[in-house]
Protein backbone atom coordinates (compact mmCIF):
# COMPACT_ATOMS: atom_id res chain seq x y z
CA UNK A 1 0.00 0.00 0.00
CA UNK A 2 1.57 3.26 -1.13
CA UNK A 3 -1.01 5.73 0.17
CA UNK A 4 -2.81 6.24 3.45
CA UNK A 5 -6.36 4.90 3.64
CA UNK A 6 -7.37 8.13 5.39
CA UNK A 7 -5.62 10.73 3.23
CA UNK A 8 -5.14 9.92 -0.46
CA UNK A 9 -2.23 12.35 -0.71
CA UNK A 10 -0.31 10.99 2.27
CA UNK A 11 2.35 8.53 1.13
CA UNK A 12 3.14 5.76 3.61
CA UNK A 13 5.42 3.52 1.48
CA UNK A 14 8.45 5.49 0.35
CA UNK A 15 11.34 4.74 -1.98
CA UNK A 16 14.38 6.63 -3.20
CA UNK A 17 12.58 7.98 -6.28
CA UNK A 18 9.69 9.59 -4.43
CA UNK A 19 11.88 10.76 -1.56
CA UNK A 20 14.39 12.40 -3.93
CA UNK A 21 11.57 14.16 -5.74
CA UNK A 22 10.24 15.61 -2.49
CA UNK A 23 13.71 16.62 -1.33
CA UNK A 24 14.33 18.46 -4.60
CA UNK A 25 11.01 20.31 -4.64
CA UNK A 26 7.75 19.56 -2.79
CA UNK A 27 5.73 21.01 -5.67
CA UNK A 28 7.50 18.78 -8.19
CA UNK A 29 6.71 15.84 -5.90
CA UNK A 30 3.07 16.94 -5.86
CA UNK A 31 2.97 17.05 -9.67
CA UNK A 32 4.89 13.84 -10.40
CA UNK A 33 4.31 11.43 -7.51
CA UNK A 34 0.87 12.44 -6.27
CA UNK A 35 -0.67 13.46 -9.60
CA UNK A 36 1.48 11.44 -11.97
CA UNK A 37 2.28 14.24 -14.45
CA UNK A 38 5.33 13.73 -16.69
CA UNK A 39 6.54 14.52 -20.18
CA UNK A 40 5.10 12.24 -22.89
CA UNK A 41 8.54 10.78 -23.55
CA UNK A 42 11.86 10.80 -21.73
CA UNK A 43 14.66 9.05 -23.57
CA UNK A 44 16.86 8.80 -20.46
CA UNK A 45 14.17 6.95 -18.50
CA UNK A 46 13.26 4.75 -21.47
CA UNK A 47 16.84 3.81 -22.30
CA UNK A 48 17.82 3.37 -18.66
CA UNK A 49 14.87 1.04 -18.01
CA UNK A 50 15.71 -1.08 -21.03
CA UNK A 51 19.40 -1.22 -20.14
CA UNK A 52 18.55 -2.32 -16.62
CA UNK A 53 16.02 -4.89 -17.85
CA UNK A 54 18.43 -6.62 -20.24
CA UNK A 55 21.35 -6.52 -17.82
CA UNK A 56 19.15 -8.13 -15.18
CA UNK A 57 17.90 -10.68 -17.72
CA UNK A 58 21.48 -11.56 -18.64
CA UNK A 59 22.53 -12.03 -15.03
CA UNK A 60 19.46 -14.15 -14.24
CA UNK A 61 20.26 -16.49 -17.12
CA UNK A 62 23.95 -16.50 -16.19
CA UNK A 63 23.17 -17.43 -12.55
CA UNK A 64 20.82 -20.24 -13.54
CA UNK A 65 22.96 -21.85 -16.25
CA UNK A 66 26.52 -20.85 -15.38
CA UNK A 67 27.07 -20.40 -19.11
CA UNK A 68 28.03 -16.80 -19.88
CA UNK A 69 27.97 -17.07 -23.68
CA UNK A 70 24.54 -18.72 -23.80
CA UNK A 71 23.14 -16.19 -21.34
CA UNK A 72 24.36 -13.29 -23.46
CA UNK A 73 23.18 -14.87 -26.72
CA UNK A 74 19.66 -15.44 -25.37
CA UNK A 75 19.53 -11.92 -23.91
CA UNK A 76 20.61 -10.37 -27.22
CA UNK A 77 18.01 -12.45 -29.05
CA UNK A 78 15.28 -11.04 -26.81
CA UNK A 79 16.63 -7.52 -27.16
CA UNK A 80 16.66 -7.67 -30.96
CA UNK A 81 13.12 -9.01 -31.09
CA UNK A 82 11.59 -6.76 -28.45
CA UNK A 83 13.18 -3.49 -29.64
CA UNK A 84 12.33 -3.91 -33.32
CA UNK A 85 11.02 -0.55 -34.55
CA UNK A 86 12.09 1.29 -31.40
CA UNK A 87 13.15 4.82 -32.30
CA UNK A 88 14.43 7.41 -29.83
CA UNK A 89 15.77 10.22 -32.00
CA UNK A 90 18.93 10.22 -29.85
CA UNK A 91 22.28 9.30 -31.43
CA UNK A 92 23.72 8.09 -28.12
CA UNK A 93 20.69 6.29 -26.71
CA UNK A 94 19.00 4.03 -29.24
CA UNK A 95 18.65 0.41 -30.30
CA UNK A 96 22.18 0.15 -31.68
CA UNK A 97 23.87 1.72 -28.64
CA UNK A 98 21.73 -0.38 -26.28
CA UNK A 99 22.84 -3.57 -28.03
CA UNK A 100 26.49 -2.48 -27.82
CA UNK A 101 26.12 -1.55 -24.15
CA UNK A 102 24.63 -4.92 -23.20
CA UNK A 103 27.30 -6.88 -25.09
CA UNK A 104 30.26 -4.84 -23.92
CA UNK A 105 29.02 -4.62 -20.32
CA UNK A 106 28.91 -8.42 -20.15
CA UNK A 107 32.66 -8.39 -20.72
CA UNK A 108 33.53 -5.32 -18.68
CA UNK A 109 31.33 -6.07 -15.66
CA UNK A 110 31.83 -9.82 -15.14
CA UNK A 111 30.37 -9.78 -11.64
CA UNK A 112 27.48 -12.25 -11.34
CA UNK A 113 25.26 -12.35 -8.25
CA UNK A 114 26.74 -14.09 -5.23
CA UNK A 115 23.69 -16.43 -5.23
CA UNK A 116 20.56 -16.82 -7.35
CA UNK A 117 18.60 -15.19 -4.54
CA UNK A 118 20.80 -12.07 -4.47
CA UNK A 119 19.46 -10.70 -7.77
CA UNK A 120 16.66 -8.12 -7.87
CA UNK A 121 16.05 -8.26 -4.11
CA UNK A 122 13.02 -6.30 -2.94
CA UNK A 123 12.83 -4.77 0.51
CA UNK A 124 10.23 -3.11 2.68
CA UNK A 125 11.69 -1.89 5.95
CA UNK A 126 9.64 -0.17 8.70
CA UNK A 127 11.02 3.27 9.51
CA UNK A 128 9.83 3.05 13.09
CA UNK A 129 7.43 5.99 12.77
CA UNK A 130 3.72 6.17 11.97
CA UNK A 131 1.24 8.50 10.30
CA UNK A 132 -1.38 10.42 12.30
CA UNK A 133 -3.67 7.48 11.49
CA UNK A 134 -1.35 4.88 13.06
CA UNK A 135 -0.14 3.58 9.70
CA UNK A 136 3.49 2.48 9.74
CA UNK A 137 5.80 4.27 7.32
CA UNK A 138 7.79 1.86 5.15
CA UNK A 139 11.01 2.36 3.18
CA UNK A 140 10.96 0.11 0.13
CA UNK A 141 12.83 -0.56 -3.09
CA UNK A 142 14.96 -3.04 -5.02
CA UNK A 143 18.63 -3.90 -4.81
CA UNK A 144 19.90 -4.84 -8.27
CA UNK A 145 22.11 -7.59 -6.90
CA UNK A 146 24.91 -8.50 -4.50
CA UNK A 147 28.23 -9.32 -6.15
CA UNK A 148 31.88 -9.69 -5.27
CA UNK A 149 33.91 -6.90 -6.85
CA UNK A 150 37.52 -5.98 -6.17
CA UNK A 151 37.62 -8.70 -3.51
CA UNK A 152 34.65 -7.36 -1.53
CA UNK A 153 30.99 -8.32 -1.43
CA UNK A 154 28.49 -5.51 -1.71
CA UNK A 155 25.28 -4.31 -3.30
CA UNK A 156 25.49 -3.23 -6.94
CA UNK A 157 23.52 -0.44 -8.59
CA UNK A 158 23.56 -0.26 -12.41
CA UNK A 159 23.50 3.12 -14.16
CA UNK A 160 23.73 4.36 -17.74
CA UNK A 161 24.60 7.83 -19.01
CA UNK A 162 25.62 9.60 -22.19
CA UNK A 163 27.69 12.12 -20.27
CA UNK A 164 31.46 11.73 -20.37
CA UNK A 165 32.83 9.69 -17.46
CA UNK A 166 35.59 11.19 -15.35
CA UNK A 167 37.06 10.79 -11.90
CA UNK A 168 34.53 13.34 -10.66
CA UNK A 169 31.66 10.97 -11.48
CA UNK A 170 32.01 9.42 -8.04
CA UNK A 171 30.80 12.71 -6.54
CA UNK A 172 27.36 11.96 -8.03
CA UNK A 173 26.93 9.13 -5.54
CA UNK A 174 28.56 10.39 -2.36
CA UNK A 175 26.36 11.76 -0.96
CA UNK A 176 23.33 10.46 -2.85
CA UNK A 177 19.87 9.66 -1.49
CA UNK A 178 19.34 6.47 -3.49
CA UNK A 179 22.77 5.00 -2.79
CA UNK A 180 22.61 5.91 0.90
CA UNK A 181 19.22 4.20 1.23
CA UNK A 182 20.53 1.12 -0.58
CA UNK A 183 23.51 1.02 1.77
CA UNK A 184 21.11 0.96 4.73
CA UNK A 185 18.98 -1.76 3.11
CA UNK A 186 22.02 -3.86 2.17
CA UNK A 187 23.30 -3.67 5.74
CA UNK A 188 19.93 -4.81 7.09
CA UNK A 189 19.44 -7.61 4.53
CA UNK A 190 22.99 -8.90 4.03
CA UNK A 191 24.91 -7.34 6.90
CA UNK A 192 27.10 -5.43 4.44
CA UNK A 193 26.69 -1.68 3.93
CA UNK A 194 29.31 -1.30 1.20
CA UNK A 195 28.44 -1.36 -2.46
CA UNK A 196 29.36 -0.45 -6.00
CA UNK A 197 27.85 1.63 -8.78
CA UNK A 198 28.45 0.24 -12.26
CA UNK A 199 28.22 3.07 -14.78
CA UNK A 200 27.99 2.61 -18.54
CA UNK A 201 28.54 5.62 -20.79
CA UNK A 202 26.94 5.23 -24.21
CA UNK A 203 28.29 7.21 -27.17
CA UNK A 204 27.68 7.11 -30.91
CA UNK A 205 30.44 4.60 -31.65
CA UNK A 206 31.64 3.28 -28.28
CA UNK A 207 30.84 2.57 -24.63
CA UNK A 208 32.95 3.44 -21.62
CA UNK A 209 32.63 1.88 -18.16
CA UNK A 210 33.40 2.75 -14.58
CA UNK A 211 33.01 1.04 -11.20
CA UNK A 212 32.53 3.39 -8.26
CA UNK A 213 33.04 1.83 -4.80
CA UNK A 214 30.51 2.98 -2.21
CA UNK A 215 31.33 3.09 1.46
CA UNK A 216 28.96 4.26 4.17
CA UNK A 217 30.09 4.01 7.78
CA UNK A 218 27.63 2.99 10.47
CA UNK A 219 27.32 6.60 11.63
CA UNK A 220 26.54 7.69 8.05
CA UNK A 221 23.82 5.05 7.70
CA UNK A 222 22.32 6.13 11.01
CA UNK A 223 22.35 9.73 9.80
CA UNK A 224 20.61 8.71 6.56
CA UNK A 225 17.93 6.84 8.52
CA UNK A 226 17.17 9.85 10.71
CA UNK A 227 17.10 12.17 7.69
CA UNK A 228 14.68 9.90 5.85
CA UNK A 229 12.32 9.97 8.83
CA UNK A 230 12.55 13.77 8.98
CA UNK A 231 11.70 14.13 5.27
CA UNK A 232 8.81 11.69 5.56
CA UNK A 233 7.35 13.64 8.47
CA UNK A 234 7.82 16.88 6.52
CA UNK A 235 5.92 15.36 3.59
CA UNK A 236 3.24 14.30 6.06
CA UNK A 237 2.80 17.91 7.10
CA UNK A 238 2.37 18.95 3.44
CA UNK A 239 -0.23 16.24 2.89
CA UNK A 240 -2.17 17.14 6.01
CA UNK A 241 -2.14 20.84 5.13
CA UNK A 242 -2.76 20.21 1.42
CA UNK A 243 0.13 22.50 0.48
CA UNK A 244 3.34 21.68 -1.41
CA UNK A 245 5.53 24.79 -1.84
CA UNK A 246 7.83 25.30 -4.80
CA UNK A 247 11.57 25.27 -4.28
CA UNK A 248 12.54 27.89 -6.85
CA UNK A 249 16.25 27.39 -6.17
CA UNK A 250 15.98 23.86 -7.57
CA UNK A 251 14.39 24.82 -10.90
CA UNK A 252 17.70 24.82 -12.78
CA UNK A 253 19.21 21.72 -11.15
CA UNK A 254 19.93 18.51 -13.08
CA UNK A 255 19.63 20.22 -16.44
CA UNK A 256 16.43 22.04 -15.50
CA UNK A 257 13.13 20.75 -14.13
CA UNK A 258 10.69 19.49 -16.76
CA UNK A 259 8.00 21.78 -15.33
CA UNK A 260 10.12 24.91 -15.15
CA UNK A 261 9.33 26.55 -18.48
CA UNK A 262 5.84 25.34 -19.30
CA UNK A 263 4.19 25.03 -15.89
CA UNK A 264 5.83 26.77 -12.96
CA UNK A 265 6.57 29.97 -14.87
CA UNK A 266 2.80 30.49 -15.33
CA UNK A 267 0.14 31.62 -12.83
CA UNK A 268 -1.19 28.74 -10.76
CA UNK A 269 -4.71 28.97 -12.23
CA UNK A 270 -3.34 28.21 -15.71
CA UNK A 271 -1.23 25.19 -14.82
CA UNK A 272 -3.82 22.40 -14.98
CA UNK A 273 -4.71 23.29 -18.55
CA UNK A 274 -1.04 23.36 -19.53
CA UNK A 275 -0.45 19.98 -17.90
CA UNK A 276 -3.41 18.40 -19.69
CA UNK A 277 -2.23 19.79 -23.03
CA UNK A 278 1.47 18.95 -22.87
CA UNK A 279 1.95 16.17 -20.32
CA UNK A 280 0.62 12.70 -19.57
CA UNK A 281 -0.37 11.03 -16.32
CA UNK A 282 1.52 7.92 -15.32
CA UNK A 283 1.84 7.08 -11.66
CA UNK A 284 4.91 5.64 -9.95
CA UNK A 285 4.21 2.97 -7.32
CA UNK A 286 7.26 1.54 -5.48
CA UNK A 287 5.16 -1.22 -3.92
CA UNK A 288 4.43 -2.91 -7.27
CA UNK A 289 6.42 -5.99 -8.25
CA UNK A 290 8.86 -5.41 -11.09
CA UNK A 291 7.94 -7.19 -14.30
């Protein structure tokens, strides 16, 4: 259950996506998470979802058979069939670059799950606080897998980007809400808070790869846990008051908010019409099982 039975705008099951949205801007959270508004098409989300799906499919086959070449061949076969006719209009994120990324990543990131059960592990962890209606708040999500990399076991998060990789890329994940939450979850599930981010850069004619070790000390995980509870209670206040303020200082972050130009720059009474004309509604629910 994602929402309170007593207040349809009060979220009780939280994940990194919805929490990050609220942290960035409560009004953006209101538009995207509560009301489901988003651009009709986002190539980064589309490509990233497909990359993750086929990487996970490859590792599942690899874990079950122990045959790397057969696992990759069968994954590529599915990719070629399922992406037939898929057009993105992006020279760095398309069918050809996805195929290259999946094939090359199988060689570059040869880190299968520790066990068959350590792939796509879902979690739902009570935060230890409740809503005004005595509903327990839950922190949920999925860990891509647990692998042994560089001699250490840890959770692995897979990412794709078309931006050039450099040594500064590691700053994207320390600190980082999603990675910090996954460190907490990994520590609770597997007793190991360390992890790794596998990053694949896709370009027109090549891929580049990077592994970023993640280390969160016990005190850092405890800090993350307390901060998550604070943000959840702050979101509770917004839901109870029916008011989600804009954070205008965040409008230009991450390349610019998708609502900045068309929606938030207009008077509030005009925004619903603009949303209906230029956006679609598609709700995110972290409690649903991944297909």
